[in-house]
Amino acid sequence: MSAANRRFRRVVRIGPVQVGTYYDGRGREKHTAACTAPRCGFSTDYDSRAAAELAARTHRCRVR
């Protein structure tokens, strides 16, 4: 399943980072943290919501 076909739920914004929950192609719950700042490119999948939210809280964009 491509990123464009994911249906995110429980989307929250922590600073410039959005955290959302989705089901992968095998039916497992996954969590994504993605920065919305221009030219940043930070996006990572996690198995736990707590890990994704921690990544969002500690993320610092390198591009200014």
N, C-alpha and C. Protein backbone atom coordinates (compact mmCIF):
# COMPACT_ATOMS: atom_id res chain seq x y z
N MET A 1 0.85 -1.18 0.00
CA MET A 1 0.00 0.00 0.00
C MET A 1 0.89 1.23 0.00
N SER A 2 0.64 2.12 -0.91
CA SER A 2 1.45 3.33 -0.97
C SER A 2 0.97 4.35 0.04
N ALA A 3 1.80 5.34 0.29
CA ALA A 3 1.47 6.38 1.27
C ALA A 3 0.22 7.15 0.86
N ALA A 4 -0.02 7.28 -0.45
CA ALA A 4 -1.19 8.03 -0.92
C ALA A 4 -2.49 7.30 -0.61
N ASN A 5 -2.44 5.99 -0.44
CA ASN A 5 -3.65 5.20 -0.20
C ASN A 5 -3.94 4.97 1.28
N ARG A 6 -3.08 5.42 2.17
CA ARG A 6 -3.30 5.22 3.60
C ARG A 6 -4.44 6.10 4.08
N ARG A 7 -5.22 5.58 5.01
CA ARG A 7 -6.27 6.37 5.64
C ARG A 7 -5.86 6.60 7.08
N PHE A 8 -5.43 7.79 7.37
CA PHE A 8 -4.96 8.12 8.70
C PHE A 8 -6.13 8.47 9.61
N ARG A 9 -6.00 8.09 10.86
CA ARG A 9 -6.97 8.45 11.87
C ARG A 9 -6.19 8.93 13.09
N ARG A 10 -6.89 9.57 14.00
CA ARG A 10 -6.25 10.13 15.19
C ARG A 10 -5.05 10.99 14.83
N VAL A 11 -5.23 11.90 13.90
CA VAL A 11 -4.15 12.79 13.48
C VAL A 11 -4.06 13.96 14.45
N VAL A 12 -2.87 14.18 14.99
CA VAL A 12 -2.61 15.32 15.87
C VAL A 12 -1.38 16.06 15.36
N ARG A 13 -1.32 17.32 15.69
CA ARG A 13 -0.18 18.15 15.29
C ARG A 13 0.60 18.54 16.54
N ILE A 14 1.90 18.26 16.51
CA ILE A 14 2.81 18.65 17.60
C ILE A 14 3.89 19.50 16.96
N GLY A 15 3.76 20.81 17.10
CA GLY A 15 4.67 21.73 16.41
C GLY A 15 4.46 21.57 14.91
N PRO A 16 5.54 21.46 14.15
CA PRO A 16 5.38 21.29 12.70
C PRO A 16 5.14 19.83 12.29
N VAL A 17 5.12 18.92 13.25
CA VAL A 17 5.02 17.48 12.96
C VAL A 17 3.59 16.99 13.17
N GLN A 18 3.10 16.21 12.22
CA GLN A 18 1.80 15.57 12.35
C GLN A 18 2.01 14.10 12.66
N VAL A 19 1.22 13.58 13.60
CA VAL A 19 1.27 12.16 13.97
C VAL A 19 -0.08 11.56 13.62
N GLY A 20 -0.06 10.44 12.90
CA GLY A 20 -1.30 9.77 12.52
C GLY A 20 -1.18 8.27 12.63
N THR A 21 -2.32 7.60 12.80
CA THR A 21 -2.37 6.15 12.94
C THR A 21 -3.05 5.56 11.70
N TYR A 22 -2.54 4.44 11.22
CA TYR A 22 -3.12 3.76 10.06
C TYR A 22 -2.88 2.27 10.18
N TYR A 23 -3.54 1.49 9.34
CA TYR A 23 -3.31 0.05 9.25
C TYR A 23 -2.48 -0.24 8.01
N ASP A 24 -1.41 -1.02 8.17
CA ASP A 24 -0.57 -1.36 7.03
C ASP A 24 -1.25 -2.44 6.18
N GLY A 25 -0.59 -2.89 5.16
CA GLY A 25 -1.14 -3.87 4.24
C GLY A 25 -1.45 -5.21 4.86
N ARG A 26 -0.89 -5.50 6.02
CA ARG A 26 -1.13 -6.77 6.71
C ARG A 26 -2.11 -6.62 7.88
N GLY A 27 -2.73 -5.45 7.99
CA GLY A 27 -3.72 -5.23 9.03
C GLY A 27 -3.16 -4.83 10.39
N ARG A 28 -1.87 -4.55 10.44
CA ARG A 28 -1.26 -4.13 11.71
C ARG A 28 -1.38 -2.63 11.86
N GLU A 29 -1.58 -2.19 13.09
CA GLU A 29 -1.68 -0.76 13.37
C GLU A 29 -0.27 -0.16 13.39
N LYS A 30 -0.08 0.91 12.64
CA LYS A 30 1.20 1.62 12.57
C LYS A 30 0.95 3.10 12.85
N HIS A 31 2.02 3.80 13.20
CA HIS A 31 1.92 5.21 13.53
C HIS A 31 3.02 5.96 12.79
N THR A 32 2.68 7.09 12.21
CA THR A 32 3.62 7.87 11.42
C THR A 32 3.78 9.25 12.02
N ALA A 33 5.02 9.73 12.05
CA ALA A 33 5.34 11.11 12.41
C ALA A 33 5.96 11.74 11.17
N ALA A 34 5.38 12.85 10.71
CA ALA A 34 5.87 13.51 9.50
C ALA A 34 5.89 15.02 9.70
N CYS A 35 7.01 15.63 9.36
CA CYS A 35 7.16 17.07 9.49
C CYS A 35 6.55 17.76 8.26
N THR A 36 5.81 18.84 8.51
CA THR A 36 5.14 19.55 7.42
C THR A 36 5.90 20.81 6.99
N ALA A 37 7.06 21.04 7.56
CA ALA A 37 7.85 22.22 7.20
C ALA A 37 8.43 22.05 5.79
N PRO A 38 8.50 23.13 5.02
CA PRO A 38 9.05 23.04 3.66
C PRO A 38 10.49 22.53 3.67
N ARG A 39 10.79 21.63 2.77
CA ARG A 39 12.13 21.07 2.54
C ARG A 39 12.70 20.29 3.72
N CYS A 40 11.88 19.89 4.68
CA CYS A 40 12.40 19.14 5.83
C CYS A 40 12.57 17.67 5.48
N GLY A 41 11.50 17.00 5.07
CA GLY A 41 11.60 15.60 4.64
C GLY A 41 11.55 14.57 5.75
N PHE A 42 11.35 14.97 7.00
CA PHE A 42 11.29 14.01 8.10
C PHE A 42 9.97 13.26 8.09
N SER A 43 10.04 11.94 8.02
CA SER A 43 8.85 11.09 8.08
C SER A 43 9.31 9.70 8.47
N THR A 44 8.70 9.15 9.53
CA THR A 44 9.10 7.84 10.03
C THR A 44 7.89 7.09 10.55
N ASP A 45 7.87 5.76 10.34
CA ASP A 45 6.81 4.90 10.86
C ASP A 45 7.28 4.23 12.15
N TYR A 46 6.33 4.05 13.07
CA TYR A 46 6.61 3.43 14.36
C TYR A 46 5.56 2.39 14.68
N ASP A 47 5.89 1.44 15.54
CA ASP A 47 4.94 0.42 15.99
C ASP A 47 4.07 0.91 17.14
N SER A 48 4.53 1.92 17.87
CA SER A 48 3.74 2.42 19.00
C SER A 48 3.45 3.91 18.83
N ARG A 49 2.29 4.31 19.30
CA ARG A 49 1.88 5.71 19.24
C ARG A 49 2.80 6.58 20.10
N ALA A 50 3.21 6.05 21.26
CA ALA A 50 4.09 6.80 22.15
C ALA A 50 5.42 7.14 21.48
N ALA A 51 5.96 6.21 20.72
CA ALA A 51 7.23 6.45 20.02
C ALA A 51 7.07 7.53 18.96
N ALA A 52 5.97 7.50 18.23
CA ALA A 52 5.72 8.51 17.19
C ALA A 52 5.55 9.89 17.81
N GLU A 53 4.83 9.98 18.93
CA GLU A 53 4.64 11.26 19.58
C GLU A 53 5.94 11.79 20.20
N LEU A 54 6.77 10.89 20.72
CA LEU A 54 8.07 11.30 21.25
C LEU A 54 8.95 11.85 20.13
N ALA A 55 8.94 11.19 18.98
CA ALA A 55 9.71 11.67 17.84
C ALA A 55 9.22 13.06 17.41
N ALA A 56 7.92 13.27 17.44
CA ALA A 56 7.35 14.57 17.07
C ALA A 56 7.78 15.65 18.04
N ARG A 57 7.80 15.33 19.32
CA ARG A 57 8.16 16.33 20.33
C ARG A 57 9.65 16.69 20.30
N THR A 58 10.49 15.75 19.91
CA THR A 58 11.94 15.99 19.93
C THR A 58 12.51 16.36 18.57
N HIS A 59 11.69 16.35 17.52
CA HIS A 59 12.17 16.67 16.17
C HIS A 59 12.56 18.14 16.05
N ARG A 60 13.70 18.38 15.46
CA ARG A 60 14.15 19.75 15.15
C ARG A 60 14.54 19.78 13.67
N CYS A 61 13.92 20.65 12.93
CA CYS A 61 14.22 20.77 11.48
C CYS A 61 15.63 21.31 11.29
N ARG A 62 16.36 20.69 10.40
CA ARG A 62 17.72 21.16 10.09
C ARG A 62 17.70 22.25 9.04
N VAL A 63 16.67 22.26 8.20
CA VAL A 63 16.56 23.24 7.13
C VAL A 63 15.95 24.51 7.68
N ARG A 64 16.56 25.63 7.42
CA ARG A 64 16.02 26.93 7.89
C ARG A 64 15.94 27.89 6.74
